Amino acid sequence: MMSRLKKSLALTEDLEIRVRNLAYCEPPGASERPREPFKPVPGITIQPWCSGLSRNADASTIFLHHKQAFGTGRHPSTRLCLESISRLARGERAPWKLRGRSVLDFGCGTGLLAVAAVKMGAACALGVEIDKEAADTAQMNVALNGLSEKIVIRRGSWEGVRGEYDVILANVVASVLIRTGGEIAKHLKEAGMAVISGFGINQAGDMVQFFQSLGLETAERPSLDGWAALVMKKGVG
């Protein structure tokens, strides 16, 4: 089919086609002021970035330039992840706490979750993102928040991940979770926690079974506006 398309368009070079799942994109915000700060979870304020904006803010403020990358903090799956990170930071899964932990943000988009995790107490984070524009945006956001010494952004997928992490954040579409979920279990430390989202409530049961088959135990199963998330633990946590 690709060769027929190239011939019909009289193309002499290879044709690359990318498909974007519009059902997973951020919800439209026509009724919102794009520069107005908002609180997706208690204790965190997201300030959309624009040129000339002052960065004199408290430690709970996240400056965010999202461009075309996923992760403004308004999508239900992103909010579910932020809420789960917040609960880990507050130590609601005693004796497990986020403070001082290492974090991996897989498919990091704007880098919001990695930035939020460090702002809430994590010691360091790695964000990996396959899309170049999103990876560049994430790197910009890390710098905007003064966290370049604590957060590293790498363009790519699991090939860019080495070692194990205390926390793995994965807010990506269900097909990617199914295809690469084994890597989440592989790179999660014993007694570590994984926050997984990007799928609907109707898929949550299948996701629970899938990750349990990989040796992860469901600690929480929150939902919001038709979307779901899983907080999974590995071993005794």
Foldseek 3Di string as FASTA:
>chain_A
DQVVVCVVVVHPDRDDDDDDDPVLADDDDPVDDQQDWDDLDPQAIEGEDDPPDDPPDDLRYFYADQVRWGDSSRDFQSSQLLVVLLCQLVCVVPPHHLAQWEEEEFQCQQVVSQSSSVSSHYQAYEYEHQDPVRLVNNVVRCVSSVNPVGYHYYHDGCVPDDAATQEYEYQAAPVVCLVCVLSNLVRHDAFHKYKYWPAFPVCQVVVQVSVVVSQWHFPDWDGDPGTIMTITTHHHD
